[in-house]
Amino acid sequence: MSYDAIVVGAGVIGLSTAYHLLRSSPGLRVAVVDALGGPGMGDTSKSLGGFRTAFTSELNRLLASTSVRFYEELQARGRDVGLRRYGYLFLATEGSYDALRSYVGAGSRFLDERELSEMGIRTRVSGLEDARGLGLGDIVGGFLYGDAGVLDPSSILEYYAEELEGAGCEFLYNAEARLLTEPVNPVGIPGEPFPWQEVRVRGVIAGGREMRAGSVVLATGAWTGEILDSLGAPLPLRPLRRMAYSIPAASGNLRRLLDSGIPPLVIPGGVFLRPDPAGAFYVEFGLRRPYGPGDPEPAAWELGALPVLSSYLSAFEGVSPGDSWVGRYDMNIVSATPIVERVADGLVVAAGTSGSGVMKADAVGRVASALALGLDRAELHGGLRLPSDALSAPRGEERLVI
């Protein structure tokens, strides 16, 4: 079976890449292969759907802002992807104030301690035992950044999937893909390619089928680093744990806090709080250690997220989550920007989205599709053109490694 391009991974990055391959070149024969049973069942399924365009990296700002504008255009055309602008409120301590003002000040409104207190946020925490133990500082104000809010990852996935089906893309689920490689310079010995040989990728073997293609795009999220290591083409990618929680807010102090219209909060101590007007709060807490088994860690709530939350928001004192799960950060550990790179003849990688894949997915898919098609430049939404190698992995100076 022969294709022009095969995308391995049916999450939001993979579907965006396949979508833009067919959008750029209608008539291509494209297949999407995934080890799981349907679209978006890996990293994308763990997303809380927050978005922002505030980043310290100019590249990240560009990828997020053009993607969000694309989603907004879909919504304006009648395709509701759940995009709602609530803003992100970045809480600032004395030690973080200057940095936050530099990062998000231009697009935000500053709220003083009085305004935060009226929202139900406790600003003076230095006298609390838990806060002292965690090294949490008093809040001196907050920056309410406007170009931020929430969207629905499943609705974005559905859009891409429907468009791909209409364009004739083939899907193969429940099929773990193995790269089909051959040596660049064969020596004619059975068993090639050997570990010491440079290889090129000519497709995948999946579902008992040999599927050949001119280009293969790996959009496999937190699994990408392991796949590339086995190929001998490592990139600075690492899967990290991030705990996620759902806390019902049907009554009492949590319901009053929800009804107050409090925006999503970026809280000192590594906690992100996302209100859901339907009656819940969602919480993310970064453990920042390698991803392992999928079972949640109870202690991460009691000893990590809860003490931080309850220090700054008294409504969370003594609260337990209704549900919890492990999110997966496909982390670029050098620059925290996505990596889109041709790592071997016939193989493009689109990975390293570092916890913000959904909000950058449309732009990343455009760059990956351009690279897979051999184009010099990718056109982002709005017409801005970016070199197709602009998201290559950061490189060091040293070349003489023995």
Protein backbone atom coordinates (compact mmCIF):
# COMPACT_ATOMS: atom_id res chain seq x y z
CA MET A 1 0.00 0.00 0.00
CA SER A 2 1.52 3.31 -1.07
CA TYR A 3 0.80 6.85 0.19
CA ASP A 4 2.17 10.30 -0.33
CA ALA A 5 2.27 10.88 3.44
CA ILE A 6 1.52 8.93 6.60
CA VAL A 7 0.89 10.74 9.89
CA VAL A 8 1.53 8.62 12.97
CA GLY A 9 -0.60 9.94 15.83
CA ALA A 10 -4.26 11.01 15.72
CA GLY A 11 -4.10 13.68 18.39
CA VAL A 12 -4.67 17.35 17.65
CA ILE A 13 -1.13 17.82 16.25
CA GLY A 14 -1.42 14.79 13.95
CA LEU A 15 -4.87 15.68 12.65
CA SER A 16 -3.86 19.30 12.10
CA THR A 17 -0.82 18.13 10.12
CA ALA A 18 -2.89 15.77 7.96
CA TYR A 19 -5.53 18.48 7.44
CA HIS A 20 -2.95 20.97 6.20
CA LEU A 21 -1.25 18.39 4.00
CA LEU A 22 -4.52 17.87 2.14
CA ARG A 23 -5.44 21.53 2.27
CA SER A 24 -2.11 22.48 0.67
CA SER A 25 -2.16 19.69 -1.89
CA PRO A 26 -5.65 18.30 -2.56
CA GLY A 27 -5.49 14.85 -4.08
CA LEU A 28 -2.60 13.60 -1.98
CA ARG A 29 -3.02 10.10 -0.62
CA VAL A 30 -2.72 10.57 3.16
CA ALA A 31 -3.21 8.10 6.00
CA VAL A 32 -3.40 8.67 9.77
CA VAL A 33 -2.34 5.76 11.99
CA ASP A 34 -2.80 5.54 15.76
CA ALA A 35 -2.19 2.85 18.36
CA LEU A 36 -5.37 3.78 20.24
CA GLY A 37 -8.98 3.34 19.28
CA GLY A 38 -9.88 6.78 17.94
CA PRO A 39 -8.80 10.39 17.49
CA GLY A 40 -7.40 12.34 20.41
CA MET A 41 -7.23 9.49 22.93
CA GLY A 42 -3.61 10.14 23.98
CA ASP A 43 -2.16 13.44 25.19
CA THR A 44 -5.02 15.51 23.72
CA SER A 45 -7.60 13.72 25.86
CA LYS A 46 -5.86 14.98 29.01
CA SER A 47 -6.04 18.66 28.07
CA LEU A 48 -8.12 21.08 30.13
CA GLY A 49 -8.57 23.24 27.04
CA GLY A 50 -7.03 26.46 28.33
CA PHE A 51 -5.45 28.84 25.84
CA ARG A 52 -3.29 31.95 26.04
CA THR A 53 -1.08 33.91 23.71
CA ALA A 54 1.24 35.15 26.47
CA PHE A 55 4.65 33.45 26.28
CA THR A 56 8.20 34.63 26.79
CA SER A 57 9.20 33.06 23.46
CA GLU A 58 8.29 35.04 20.35
CA LEU A 59 7.85 31.74 18.46
CA ASN A 60 5.38 30.42 21.04
CA ARG A 61 3.42 33.69 20.91
CA LEU A 62 3.25 33.46 17.12
CA LEU A 63 2.17 29.80 17.08
CA ALA A 64 -0.51 30.35 19.72
CA SER A 65 -1.90 33.62 18.38
CA THR A 66 -2.27 32.42 14.78
CA SER A 67 -3.82 29.13 15.90
CA VAL A 68 -6.31 30.89 18.16
CA ARG A 69 -7.25 33.26 15.33
CA PHE A 70 -7.89 30.25 13.10
CA TYR A 71 -10.17 28.69 15.74
CA GLU A 72 -11.95 32.03 16.10
CA GLU A 73 -12.54 32.15 12.37
CA LEU A 74 -14.02 28.64 12.47
CA GLN A 75 -16.35 29.79 15.22
CA ALA A 76 -17.33 32.91 13.29
CA ARG A 77 -18.28 30.67 10.36
CA GLY A 78 -20.63 28.71 12.62
CA ARG A 79 -18.39 25.90 13.82
CA ASP A 80 -18.47 26.20 17.62
CA VAL A 81 -15.15 25.02 19.07
CA GLY A 82 -15.98 26.23 22.57
CA LEU A 83 -13.70 29.25 22.42
CA ARG A 84 -14.54 31.65 25.24
CA ARG A 85 -12.40 34.59 26.33
CA TYR A 86 -12.29 34.77 30.11
CA GLY A 87 -8.71 35.99 30.39
CA TYR A 88 -6.01 34.51 32.58
CA LEU A 89 -5.30 36.15 35.92
CA PHE A 90 -1.60 35.84 36.78
CA LEU A 91 -1.17 36.34 40.54
CA ALA A 92 2.02 38.26 41.34
CA THR A 93 4.17 38.13 44.44
CA GLU A 94 6.76 40.78 45.19
CA GLY A 95 9.41 38.47 43.75
CA SER A 96 7.52 37.73 40.51
CA TYR A 97 5.92 41.11 39.86
CA ASP A 98 8.60 42.56 37.55
CA ALA A 99 8.87 39.39 35.46
CA LEU A 100 5.10 39.06 35.05
CA ARG A 101 4.77 42.72 34.12
CA SER A 102 7.39 42.15 31.42
CA TYR A 103 5.78 38.91 30.14
CA VAL A 104 2.06 39.79 30.19
CA GLY A 105 1.77 43.44 31.14
CA ALA A 106 1.23 44.76 27.61
CA GLY A 107 -1.98 42.81 27.09
CA SER A 108 -3.36 42.94 30.61
CA ARG A 109 -5.10 45.01 33.25
CA PHE A 110 -3.48 45.22 36.67
CA LEU A 111 -5.70 44.35 39.64
CA ASP A 112 -4.67 45.51 43.09
CA GLU A 113 -5.00 43.61 46.37
CA ARG A 114 -8.41 45.06 47.12
CA GLU A 115 -9.83 43.88 43.79
CA LEU A 116 -8.34 40.42 44.30
CA SER A 117 -9.79 40.20 47.81
CA GLU A 118 -13.22 41.04 46.43
CA MET A 119 -12.87 38.03 44.14
CA GLY A 120 -12.25 35.75 47.12
CA ILE A 121 -8.47 35.61 46.76
CA ARG A 122 -6.43 35.76 49.96
CA THR A 123 -3.43 38.01 49.30
CA ARG A 124 -1.70 37.90 52.71
CA VAL A 125 -0.57 34.30 53.24
CA SER A 126 2.84 34.65 54.89
CA GLY A 127 1.30 34.04 58.33
CA LEU A 128 -0.15 30.66 57.28
CA GLU A 129 1.74 27.53 58.28
CA ASP A 130 1.19 25.71 54.98
CA ALA A 131 2.21 28.77 52.96
CA ARG A 132 5.43 29.19 54.96
CA GLY A 133 6.27 25.52 54.49
CA LEU A 134 5.77 25.79 50.73
CA GLY A 135 7.62 29.09 50.47
CA LEU A 136 4.55 30.91 49.14
CA GLY A 137 4.66 34.68 49.11
CA ASP A 138 2.06 37.37 49.67
CA ILE A 139 0.21 38.58 46.58
CA VAL A 140 0.83 42.20 45.61
CA GLY A 141 -1.59 42.20 42.68
CA GLY A 142 -2.55 40.36 39.54
CA PHE A 143 -2.31 40.80 35.78
CA LEU A 144 -5.57 39.95 34.00
CA TYR A 145 -4.37 39.01 30.51
CA GLY A 146 -7.18 39.34 27.98
CA ASP A 147 -6.07 37.15 25.05
CA ALA A 148 -6.74 33.93 26.94
CA GLY A 149 -9.56 31.66 27.94
CA VAL A 150 -10.83 28.18 27.13
CA LEU A 151 -11.68 26.11 24.09
CA ASP A 152 -12.92 22.58 23.52
CA PRO A 153 -10.18 20.22 22.25
CA SER A 154 -12.72 17.56 21.23
CA SER A 155 -14.59 20.03 19.01
CA ILE A 156 -11.35 21.02 17.27
CA LEU A 157 -10.51 17.35 16.77
CA GLU A 158 -13.97 16.69 15.34
CA TYR A 159 -13.55 19.51 12.85
CA TYR A 160 -10.20 18.23 11.60
CA ALA A 161 -11.44 14.62 11.48
CA GLU A 162 -14.59 15.50 9.50
CA GLU A 163 -12.63 17.60 7.03
CA LEU A 164 -10.08 14.81 6.59
CA GLU A 165 -12.77 12.20 5.97
CA GLY A 166 -14.34 14.46 3.36
CA ALA A 167 -10.95 14.89 1.68
CA GLY A 168 -10.40 11.13 1.44
CA CYS A 169 -7.87 10.66 4.24
CA GLU A 170 -7.59 7.07 5.44
CA PHE A 171 -7.60 6.24 9.16
CA LEU A 172 -6.15 3.16 10.81
CA TYR A 173 -6.81 2.85 14.56
CA ASN A 174 -5.77 0.22 17.12
CA ALA A 175 -2.60 -0.20 15.07
CA GLU A 176 0.77 0.51 16.66
CA ALA A 177 3.11 1.76 13.94
CA ARG A 178 6.70 0.65 13.50
CA LEU A 179 8.88 2.71 11.22
CA LEU A 180 9.85 1.00 7.97
CA THR A 181 13.53 1.84 7.47
CA GLU A 182 16.26 0.98 5.02
CA PRO A 183 19.95 1.89 4.91
CA VAL A 184 21.03 4.93 2.92
CA ASN A 185 24.13 3.01 1.84
CA PRO A 186 23.23 -0.71 1.85
CA VAL A 187 25.99 -3.31 2.16
CA GLY A 188 23.91 -6.28 1.10
CA ILE A 189 24.03 -8.17 4.40
CA PRO A 190 20.78 -9.72 5.73
CA GLY A 191 19.43 -7.84 8.76
CA GLU A 192 20.05 -4.32 7.51
CA PRO A 193 19.80 -1.59 8.61
CA PHE A 194 22.29 -2.08 11.45
CA PRO A 195 22.65 0.42 14.33
CA TRP A 196 25.78 1.93 12.76
CA GLN A 197 24.09 2.64 9.42
CA GLU A 198 22.39 5.88 8.44
CA VAL A 199 18.76 5.10 7.64
CA ARG A 200 15.92 6.54 5.66
CA VAL A 201 12.26 6.02 6.45
CA ARG A 202 10.05 4.59 3.74
CA GLY A 203 6.78 4.16 5.62
CA VAL A 204 5.40 2.17 8.55
CA ILE A 205 4.28 -1.31 9.42
CA ALA A 206 0.93 -1.09 11.22
CA GLY A 207 -2.01 -3.43 11.69
CA GLY A 208 -0.12 -6.19 9.93
CA ARG A 209 0.25 -4.01 6.82
CA GLU A 210 3.28 -2.55 5.15
CA MET A 211 2.39 1.04 4.30
CA ARG A 212 4.94 2.89 2.20
CA ALA A 213 5.04 6.67 1.89
CA GLY A 214 7.14 9.51 0.57
CA SER A 215 6.99 11.17 4.01
CA VAL A 216 6.15 9.97 7.50
CA VAL A 217 5.24 12.51 10.18
CA LEU A 218 5.62 11.44 13.82
CA ALA A 219 3.01 13.32 15.87
CA THR A 220 3.12 10.92 18.79
CA GLY A 221 3.29 13.31 21.72
CA ALA A 222 4.82 11.94 24.90
CA TRP A 223 5.87 8.74 23.13
CA THR A 224 8.02 10.51 20.51
CA GLY A 225 11.29 10.56 22.42
CA GLU A 226 11.22 6.81 22.97
CA ILE A 227 10.52 6.16 19.27
CA LEU A 228 13.37 8.41 18.17
CA ASP A 229 15.80 6.89 20.66
CA SER A 230 15.17 3.48 19.10
CA LEU A 231 15.94 5.00 15.70
CA GLY A 232 19.17 6.56 16.93
CA ALA A 233 17.88 10.08 16.26
CA PRO A 234 17.32 11.59 19.73
CA LEU A 235 15.83 15.03 20.30
CA PRO A 236 15.55 16.97 23.61
CA LEU A 237 12.11 15.53 24.39
CA ARG A 238 10.92 14.18 27.70
CA PRO A 239 7.46 13.12 28.90
CA LEU A 240 6.63 14.79 32.21
CA ARG A 241 3.75 14.23 34.60
CA ARG A 242 1.07 16.82 35.21
CA MET A 243 -1.78 16.01 37.54
CA ALA A 244 -5.29 17.19 36.69
CA TYR A 245 -8.31 17.33 38.99
CA SER A 246 -12.02 18.02 38.75
CA ILE A 247 -13.66 19.58 41.83
CA PRO A 248 -17.48 19.83 41.90
CA ALA A 249 -18.80 23.26 42.87
CA ALA A 250 -22.50 22.63 43.26
CA SER A 251 -22.97 24.44 46.56
CA GLY A 252 -21.34 26.24 49.46
CA ASN A 253 -18.19 28.35 49.29
CA LEU A 254 -17.00 26.82 46.02
CA ARG A 255 -20.32 27.59 44.32
CA ARG A 256 -20.17 31.19 45.57
CA LEU A 257 -16.60 31.48 44.27
CA LEU A 258 -17.67 30.08 40.89
CA ASP A 259 -20.68 32.41 40.69
CA SER A 260 -18.45 35.41 41.40
CA GLY A 261 -17.08 35.09 37.86
CA ILE A 262 -13.52 34.45 38.91
CA PRO A 263 -11.33 33.96 35.80
CA PRO A 264 -8.78 31.18 35.25
CA LEU A 265 -5.92 31.69 37.69
CA VAL A 266 -2.19 31.14 37.32
CA ILE A 267 -1.21 30.72 40.96
CA PRO A 268 2.26 30.86 42.56
CA GLY A 269 3.42 27.34 43.39
CA GLY A 270 2.73 25.87 39.94
CA VAL A 271 -1.07 25.54 40.13
CA PHE A 272 -3.52 26.46 37.36
CA LEU A 273 -7.21 26.82 38.25
CA ARG A 274 -9.87 26.82 35.54
CA PRO A 275 -13.50 27.57 36.50
CA ASP A 276 -16.21 25.76 34.57
CA PRO A 277 -19.51 27.70 34.68
CA ALA A 278 -21.36 24.38 34.39
CA GLY A 279 -20.50 23.70 38.04
CA ALA A 280 -16.89 22.69 38.63
CA PHE A 281 -13.29 23.80 38.92
CA TYR A 282 -10.46 22.12 37.06
CA VAL A 283 -6.98 22.16 38.51
CA GLU A 284 -3.61 21.35 36.96
CA PHE A 285 -0.51 20.81 39.04
CA GLY A 286 2.87 20.11 37.48
CA LEU A 287 4.92 17.37 39.12
CA ARG A 288 7.78 17.97 36.68
CA ARG A 289 9.12 14.46 36.77
CA PRO A 290 9.27 11.75 34.12
CA TYR A 291 5.96 10.30 33.07
CA GLY A 292 5.39 6.76 34.25
CA PRO A 293 2.33 4.66 35.08
CA GLY A 294 -1.02 6.23 34.39
CA ASP A 295 -2.45 5.96 37.91
CA PRO A 296 -3.01 9.30 39.68
CA GLU A 297 -0.94 10.06 42.78
CA PRO A 298 -3.18 10.87 45.78
CA ALA A 299 -0.35 12.59 47.65
CA ALA A 300 0.06 15.11 44.83
CA TRP A 301 -3.30 16.65 45.81
CA GLU A 302 -2.93 16.54 49.58
CA LEU A 303 0.72 17.59 49.73
CA GLY A 304 0.99 19.68 46.57
CA ALA A 305 -2.02 21.28 44.92
CA LEU A 306 -4.38 21.58 47.93
CA PRO A 307 -2.03 23.50 50.27
CA VAL A 308 -1.33 26.01 47.51
CA LEU A 309 -4.98 26.43 46.55
CA SER A 310 -6.28 26.69 50.09
CA SER A 311 -3.58 29.23 51.01
CA TYR A 312 -4.74 31.68 48.36
CA LEU A 313 -8.41 30.62 48.13
CA SER A 314 -10.02 29.77 51.45
CA ALA A 315 -13.00 28.23 49.63
CA PHE A 316 -10.80 25.20 48.88
CA GLU A 317 -9.95 24.41 52.51
CA GLY A 318 -10.59 20.71 53.18
CA VAL A 319 -11.84 20.03 49.65
CA SER A 320 -11.25 16.72 47.86
CA PRO A 321 -11.38 16.27 44.06
CA GLY A 322 -14.23 14.38 42.45
CA ASP A 323 -11.92 12.97 39.80
CA SER A 324 -8.23 13.04 38.93
CA TRP A 325 -6.00 11.93 36.09
CA VAL A 326 -2.43 12.16 34.90
CA GLY A 327 -1.76 14.60 32.10
CA ARG A 328 1.25 14.15 29.85
CA TYR A 329 3.59 16.97 28.95
CA ASP A 330 5.53 16.26 25.78
CA MET A 331 8.35 18.53 26.92
CA ASN A 332 11.09 20.17 24.92
CA ILE A 333 13.48 20.34 27.86
CA VAL A 334 15.80 22.91 26.23
CA SER A 335 13.58 25.73 24.98
CA ALA A 336 9.94 24.67 25.70
CA THR A 337 9.03 25.46 22.08
CA PRO A 338 7.56 22.87 19.70
CA ILE A 339 10.01 20.89 17.60
CA VAL A 340 9.17 20.31 13.94
CA GLU A 341 12.14 18.81 12.19
CA ARG A 342 13.19 16.40 9.46
CA VAL A 343 15.30 13.95 11.48
CA ALA A 344 15.97 11.49 8.67
CA ASP A 345 15.24 11.11 4.98
CA GLY A 346 11.49 10.56 4.83
CA LEU A 347 10.79 11.30 8.51
CA VAL A 348 9.46 14.54 10.02
CA VAL A 349 8.82 14.95 13.76
CA ALA A 350 6.19 17.31 15.20
CA ALA A 351 6.53 17.17 18.98
CA GLY A 352 7.68 19.00 22.11
CA THR A 353 4.52 21.05 22.52
CA SER A 354 5.22 21.25 26.28
CA GLY A 355 1.67 21.26 27.58
CA SER A 356 0.30 23.79 25.10
CA GLY A 357 -0.32 21.60 22.07
CA VAL A 358 -4.00 22.37 21.56
CA MET A 359 -3.53 26.13 21.62
CA LYS A 360 -0.69 25.90 19.04
CA ALA A 361 -1.91 22.93 17.02
CA ASP A 362 -3.05 24.68 13.88
CA ALA A 363 0.26 26.50 13.39
CA VAL A 364 2.36 23.44 14.26
CA GLY A 365 0.38 21.37 11.75
CA ARG A 366 1.01 23.97 9.04
CA VAL A 367 4.77 23.90 9.66
CA ALA A 368 4.90 20.09 9.80
CA SER A 369 2.92 19.72 6.58
CA ALA A 370 5.16 22.23 4.78
CA LEU A 371 8.27 20.35 5.89
CA ALA A 372 6.77 17.00 4.85
CA LEU A 373 5.95 18.45 1.42
CA GLY A 374 9.49 19.77 1.01
CA LEU A 375 8.42 23.43 1.04
CA ASP A 376 10.81 26.16 2.16
CA ARG A 377 8.16 28.14 4.00
CA ALA A 378 4.93 27.51 5.88
CA GLU A 379 2.01 29.93 5.73
CA LEU A 380 0.37 30.47 9.11
CA HIS A 381 -3.20 31.64 9.49
CA GLY A 382 -3.42 35.28 8.47
CA GLY A 383 -0.81 34.97 5.74
CA LEU A 384 2.40 35.23 7.75
CA ARG A 385 5.08 33.02 6.21
CA LEU A 386 7.57 31.18 8.42
CA PRO A 387 10.64 29.20 7.32
CA SER A 388 9.67 25.54 7.48
CA ASP A 389 12.79 24.83 9.59
CA ALA A 390 11.98 27.59 12.11
CA LEU A 391 10.98 25.01 14.75
CA SER A 392 14.06 22.82 14.45
CA ALA A 393 15.47 21.53 17.72
CA PRO A 394 17.99 23.85 19.41
CA ARG A 395 21.55 22.88 18.67
CA GLY A 396 24.74 23.20 20.69
CA GLU A 397 28.08 24.27 19.35
CA GLU A 398 29.99 21.03 19.88
CA ARG A 399 30.35 18.74 16.89
CA LEU A 400 33.36 16.60 17.85
CA VAL A 401 31.66 13.99 20.03
CA ILE A 402 33.44 10.64 20.33
